[in-house]
Amino acid sequence: MRILITGAAGFIGSHLAERLLAKGHSVVGLDCLTDYYARALKELNVAAIRRAGADFLPLDLATDDLSDAVAGVDLLYHLAAQPGISATTPFETYLRNNIIATHRLLEALRRLPSFPPLINISTSSVYGADATGPETVEPRPTSNYGVTKLAAEQLVLAEHRDRGAPTCSLRLFSVYGPRERPEKLYPKLIGAILDDRPFTLYEGSEAHVRSYTYVSDIVDGLVAVLDHLDACWGEIFNIGTDQAITTGEAIALVEEIMGKRAIIDRRPPRPGDQQRTHACIDKARRLLGYNPTTTPREGLAREVAWYRDEIWGRIRF
């Protein structure tokens, strides 16, 4: 199939592109390379997917003409979004990159002779402070990110409800691994330990429970949809590990892997943070055959090695 991936220069999108290419699909990556984090890191990801055989289009979903990008596409994965819960990111940025961008992508797809299958990538943040239940639990987001990602998800699912379009949405849980965004917990922690500088830890976050899910296990879930398309349309799936640990336990594990303690700089609690995520993946197991297997120790050892060998001292965040 010819598959379009929006957000292909990002962490998860670049891994997905490589996996699909390895499975013999033709892949077109699309990304506008926003300045939310170091462009150099995104350029490394683009170079990697191009080496693997993907085409790449530097387009902005919110403003550019998407007609040529979507023409001839057999299926789309929509990952492009404004991530994070930073208090310095204006609401207008979330509105533009999550809701407006998704709306314009859907408009472009409606103009095609037939609406191609669209797999939307959402987030456990739509559930709010406690993300532990099945997909039927009422979403109660606590951040601009969660609110706008829920809106984008509903735009995509409305295409199925209203027009019968083949769409579905996957809610991802606490993804980590090589290429992770630099403002996330593990890259910040690993970099701080390597540089002997303080690591910012928000008060109370050590007790937060997370379904930290290694990126290859996430990609397994994304790709599993391709083998079960008829069971997916109009559906929502939680994709993550059902083995949760606390942030404090995760920090201790990174310190053990690196053989060095972090210098902790404690800050007041961060508004909008989730208190507990524990992925309920019964539906994905049943309908998609989804089965994440990577342990935190295995995944974190790979991320430490990636950061130390490919990022440290080479890219300035």
Foldseek 3Di string as FASTA:
>chain_A
DEEEEEPCLADLNLVLLLVVLVVPYAYEYEYQQDVPDDSVLSVVSVVVSVVSPHHYDNDQLLDDDCQVVCPPHQEYEYDWADDDQDPPDDLVRRCRGQPNSLVSVVVSQVPDPARHAYEYEAALQQQDQAAEDFPPDHGDHFGSNNVSSVNSQVVQLVCCVPPVHQYAYEHEWAEDFPRHGCVDDLNQLLQCFVVVHAREDEPPQQQAKGLYAYSVLQSLLVVLCVVQSVVGGSYYFYGGAQDIDGNNVLQVLLCVLVVHHHHYDYDHHDGRHHRYHGDDGPVCCVRRVRDGDDDSNRRSNRRSCNCVPPPPPPDDD
